[in-house]
C-alpha atoms as a PDB file:
ATOM      1  CA  UNK A   1       3.593  -3.258  37.532  1.00  0.00           C
ATOM      2  CA  UNK A   2       4.576  -2.386  33.969  1.00  0.00           C
ATOM      3  CA  UNK A   3       2.052  -1.097  31.503  1.00  0.00           C
ATOM      4  CA  UNK A   4       2.210  -2.133  27.899  1.00  0.00           C
ATOM      5  CA  UNK A   5       0.411  -0.342  25.141  1.00  0.00           C
ATOM      6  CA  UNK A   6      -0.418  -2.017  21.886  1.00  0.00           C
ATOM      7  CA  UNK A   7       0.157  -0.185  18.644  1.00  0.00           C
ATOM      8  CA  UNK A   8      -2.891  -0.007  16.469  1.00  0.00           C
ATOM      9  CA  UNK A   9      -2.776  -0.583  12.740  1.00  0.00           C
ATOM     10  CA  UNK A  10      -3.344   3.167  12.353  1.00  0.00           C
ATOM     11  CA  UNK A  11      -0.271   3.880  14.532  1.00  0.00           C
ATOM     12  CA  UNK A  12       1.795   1.576  12.349  1.00  0.00           C
ATOM     13  CA  UNK A  13       0.552   3.145   9.112  1.00  0.00           C
ATOM     14  CA  UNK A  14       1.140   6.664  10.418  1.00  0.00           C
ATOM     15  CA  UNK A  15       4.682   5.690  11.417  1.00  0.00           C
ATOM     16  CA  UNK A  16       5.342   4.271   7.940  1.00  0.00           C
ATOM     17  CA  UNK A  17       3.590   7.223   6.229  1.00  0.00           C
ATOM     18  CA  UNK A  18       1.025   4.988   4.524  1.00  0.00           C
ATOM     19  CA  UNK A  19      -2.644   5.491   3.791  1.00  0.00           C
ATOM     20  CA  UNK A  20      -5.570   3.151   4.232  1.00  0.00           C
ATOM     21  CA  UNK A  21      -6.056   3.263   0.452  1.00  0.00           C
ATOM     22  CA  UNK A  22      -2.501   2.084  -0.182  1.00  0.00           C
ATOM     23  CA  UNK A  23      -2.979  -0.811   2.222  1.00  0.00           C
ATOM     24  CA  UNK A  24      -6.344  -1.655   0.640  1.00  0.00           C
ATOM     25  CA  UNK A  25      -4.741  -1.915  -2.809  1.00  0.00           C
ATOM     26  CA  UNK A  26      -2.062  -4.278  -1.533  1.00  0.00           C
ATOM     27  CA  UNK A  27      -4.700  -6.308   0.305  1.00  0.00           C
ATOM     28  CA  UNK A  28      -6.676  -6.588  -2.914  1.00  0.00           C
ATOM     29  CA  UNK A  29      -3.599  -7.484  -4.962  1.00  0.00           C
ATOM     30  CA  UNK A  30      -2.536 -10.201  -2.538  1.00  0.00           C
ATOM     31  CA  UNK A  31      -6.028 -11.373  -1.594  1.00  0.00           C
ATOM     32  CA  UNK A  32      -5.407 -10.887   2.125  1.00  0.00           C
ATOM     33  CA  UNK A  33      -7.208  -8.936   4.867  1.00  0.00           C
ATOM     34  CA  UNK A  34      -6.330  -5.276   5.342  1.00  0.00           C
ATOM     35  CA  UNK A  35      -4.786  -5.963   8.767  1.00  0.00           C
ATOM     36  CA  UNK A  36      -2.368  -8.497   7.256  1.00  0.00           C
ATOM     37  CA  UNK A  37      -1.611  -6.172   4.337  1.00  0.00           C
ATOM     38  CA  UNK A  38      -0.808  -3.357   6.784  1.00  0.00           C
ATOM     39  CA  UNK A  39       1.865  -5.499   8.413  1.00  0.00           C
ATOM     40  CA  UNK A  40       3.318  -6.505   5.047  1.00  0.00           C
ATOM     41  CA  UNK A  41       3.300  -2.968   3.675  1.00  0.00           C
ATOM     42  CA  UNK A  42       4.918  -1.489   6.797  1.00  0.00           C
ATOM     43  CA  UNK A  43       7.786  -3.934   6.396  1.00  0.00           C
ATOM     44  CA  UNK A  44       8.190  -3.567   2.645  1.00  0.00           C
ATOM     45  CA  UNK A  45       8.167   0.220   2.617  1.00  0.00           C
ATOM     46  CA  UNK A  46      11.382   0.212   4.684  1.00  0.00           C
ATOM     47  CA  UNK A  47      13.573  -0.859   1.733  1.00  0.00           C
ATOM     48  CA  UNK A  48      13.982   0.338  -1.862  1.00  0.00           C
ATOM     49  CA  UNK A  49      13.223  -3.182  -3.081  1.00  0.00           C
ATOM     50  CA  UNK A  50      10.029  -3.232  -1.032  1.00  0.00           C
ATOM     51  CA  UNK A  51       8.945   0.167  -2.356  1.00  0.00           C
ATOM     52  CA  UNK A  52       9.517  -1.105  -5.900  1.00  0.00           C
ATOM     53  CA  UNK A  53       7.463  -4.230  -5.189  1.00  0.00           C
ATOM     54  CA  UNK A  54       4.602  -2.199  -3.694  1.00  0.00           C
ATOM     55  CA  UNK A  55       4.673   0.192  -6.654  1.00  0.00           C
ATOM     56  CA  UNK A  56       4.476  -2.766  -9.036  1.00  0.00           C
ATOM     57  CA  UNK A  57       1.524  -4.240  -7.095  1.00  0.00           C
ATOM     58  CA  UNK A  58      -0.354  -0.969  -7.462  1.00  0.00           C
ATOM     59  CA  UNK A  59       0.491  -0.575 -11.142  1.00  0.00           C
ATOM     60  CA  UNK A  60      -0.695  -4.137 -11.790  1.00  0.00           C
ATOM     61  CA  UNK A  61      -4.063  -3.274 -10.248  1.00  0.00           C
ATOM     62  CA  UNK A  62      -4.319  -0.230 -12.521  1.00  0.00           C
ATOM     63  CA  UNK A  63      -3.549  -2.445 -15.510  1.00  0.00           C
ATOM     64  CA  UNK A  64      -6.096  -5.084 -14.484  1.00  0.00           C
ATOM     65  CA  UNK A  65      -8.816  -2.477 -13.999  1.00  0.00           C
ATOM     66  CA  UNK A  66      -7.987  -0.926 -17.390  1.00  0.00           C
ATOM     67  CA  UNK A  67      -8.166  -4.354 -19.052  1.00  0.00           C
ATOM     68  CA  UNK A  68     -11.612  -4.970 -17.514  1.00  0.00           C
ATOM     69  CA  UNK A  69     -12.789  -1.520 -18.559  1.00  0.00           C
ATOM     70  CA  UNK A  70     -13.376  -0.511 -14.932  1.00  0.00           C
ATOM     71  CA  UNK A  71     -12.491   3.152 -15.370  1.00  0.00           C
ATOM     72  CA  UNK A  72     -13.471   4.186 -11.836  1.00  0.00           C
ATOM     73  CA  UNK A  73     -11.321   1.516 -10.211  1.00  0.00           C
ATOM     74  CA  UNK A  74      -8.419   2.260 -12.565  1.00  0.00           C
ATOM     75  CA  UNK A  75      -8.612   5.973 -11.758  1.00  0.00           C
ATOM     76  CA  UNK A  76      -8.721   5.300  -8.013  1.00  0.00           C
ATOM     77  CA  UNK A  77      -5.777   2.882  -8.159  1.00  0.00           C
ATOM     78  CA  UNK A  78      -3.830   5.286 -10.381  1.00  0.00           C
ATOM     79  CA  UNK A  79      -4.411   8.116  -7.894  1.00  0.00           C
ATOM     80  CA  UNK A  80      -3.373   6.006  -4.899  1.00  0.00           C
ATOM     81  CA  UNK A  81      -0.293   4.773  -6.754  1.00  0.00           C
ATOM     82  CA  UNK A  82       0.709   8.327  -7.738  1.00  0.00           C
ATOM     83  CA  UNK A  83       0.489   9.468  -4.112  1.00  0.00           C
ATOM     84  CA  UNK A  84       2.492   6.454  -2.960  1.00  0.00           C
ATOM     85  CA  UNK A  85       5.178   7.110  -5.569  1.00  0.00           C
ATOM     86  CA  UNK A  86       5.352  10.793  -4.573  1.00  0.00           C
ATOM     87  CA  UNK A  87       5.701   9.899  -0.890  1.00  0.00           C
ATOM     88  CA  UNK A  88       8.102   6.996  -1.469  1.00  0.00           C
ATOM     89  CA  UNK A  89      10.249   7.828  -4.509  1.00  0.00           C
ATOM     90  CA  UNK A  90      12.412   5.090  -5.931  1.00  0.00           C
ATOM     91  CA  UNK A  91      16.162   5.718  -5.894  1.00  0.00           C
ATOM     92  CA  UNK A  92      17.803   6.102  -9.264  1.00  0.00           C
END
Protein backbone atom coordinates (compact mmCIF):
# COMPACT_ATOMS: atom_id res chain seq x y z
CA UNK A 1 0.00 0.00 0.00
CA UNK A 2 1.39 3.38 -1.03
CA UNK A 3 1.60 6.23 1.41
CA UNK A 4 0.92 9.75 0.29
CA UNK A 5 1.91 12.78 2.25
CA UNK A 6 0.22 16.10 1.79
CA UNK A 7 2.28 19.24 1.58
CA UNK A 8 1.25 21.87 4.05
CA UNK A 9 0.97 25.52 3.15
CA UNK A 10 4.14 26.06 5.21
CA UNK A 11 5.98 23.44 3.10
CA UNK A 12 4.90 25.23 -0.05
CA UNK A 13 5.95 28.65 1.25
CA UNK A 14 9.31 27.33 2.43
CA UNK A 15 9.89 25.78 -0.99
CA UNK A 16 9.07 29.08 -2.71
CA UNK A 17 11.08 31.10 -0.13
CA UNK A 18 8.05 33.14 0.94
CA UNK A 19 6.98 34.45 4.32
CA UNK A 20 3.59 34.43 5.98
CA UNK A 21 3.68 38.24 5.90
CA UNK A 22 4.17 38.29 2.13
CA UNK A 23 1.22 35.94 1.67
CA UNK A 24 -0.89 38.01 4.07
CA UNK A 25 -0.26 41.16 2.02
CA UNK A 26 -1.32 39.44 -1.19
CA UNK A 27 -4.37 38.01 0.56
CA UNK A 28 -5.30 41.49 1.72
CA UNK A 29 -4.69 43.02 -1.71
CA UNK A 30 -6.82 40.41 -3.47
CA UNK A 31 -9.41 40.00 -0.72
CA UNK A 32 -8.90 36.24 -0.51
CA UNK A 33 -8.05 33.85 2.34
CA UNK A 34 -4.40 33.30 3.20
CA UNK A 35 -4.54 29.67 2.04
CA UNK A 36 -5.71 30.74 -1.43
CA UNK A 37 -3.14 33.54 -1.54
CA UNK A 38 -0.38 31.05 -0.68
CA UNK A 39 -1.26 28.99 -3.74
CA UNK A 40 -1.37 32.07 -5.97
CA UNK A 41 1.88 33.49 -4.63
CA UNK A 42 3.75 30.18 -4.98
CA UNK A 43 2.79 30.08 -8.64
CA UNK A 44 3.49 33.73 -9.40
CA UNK A 45 6.90 33.83 -7.75
CA UNK A 46 8.15 31.29 -10.31
CA UNK A 47 8.28 33.84 -13.16
CA UNK A 48 9.72 37.35 -13.55
CA UNK A 49 6.28 38.61 -14.56
CA UNK A 50 4.76 37.08 -11.44
CA UNK A 51 7.44 38.62 -9.21
CA UNK A 52 6.72 42.01 -10.79
CA UNK A 53 2.98 41.57 -10.20
CA UNK A 54 3.52 40.58 -6.55
CA UNK A 55 5.86 43.53 -6.03
CA UNK A 56 3.23 45.86 -7.48
CA UNK A 57 0.53 44.38 -5.19
CA UNK A 58 2.70 45.09 -2.17
CA UNK A 59 3.61 48.60 -3.30
CA UNK A 60 -0.08 49.36 -3.87
CA UNK A 61 -0.82 48.38 -0.27
CA UNK A 62 1.94 50.72 0.93
CA UNK A 63 0.42 53.51 -1.15
CA UNK A 64 -3.10 52.85 0.13
CA UNK A 65 -1.93 52.84 3.75
CA UNK A 66 -0.01 56.09 3.18
CA UNK A 67 -3.09 57.70 1.61
CA UNK A 68 -5.20 56.71 4.65
CA UNK A 69 -2.53 57.98 7.02
CA UNK A 70 -2.06 54.51 8.52
CA UNK A 71 1.65 54.87 9.24
CA UNK A 72 1.98 51.55 11.08
CA UNK A 73 0.40 49.56 8.26
CA UNK A 74 2.44 51.45 5.65
CA UNK A 75 5.67 50.74 7.53
CA UNK A 76 4.82 47.05 7.90
CA UNK A 77 3.90 46.69 4.21
CA UNK A 78 7.02 48.63 3.18
CA UNK A 79 9.19 46.31 5.29
CA UNK A 80 7.58 43.15 3.90
CA UNK A 81 7.88 44.48 0.35
CA UNK A 82 11.56 45.36 0.84
CA UNK A 83 12.31 41.83 2.06
CA UNK A 84 10.39 40.33 -0.85
CA UNK A 85 12.26 42.50 -3.34
CA UNK A 86 15.61 41.55 -1.77
CA UNK A 87 14.76 37.84 -1.92
CA UNK A 88 13.20 37.99 -5.39
CA UNK A 89 15.02 40.67 -7.39
CA UNK A 90 13.55 41.69 -10.71
CA UNK A 91 15.71 41.08 -13.77
CA UNK A 92 16.94 44.16 -15.57
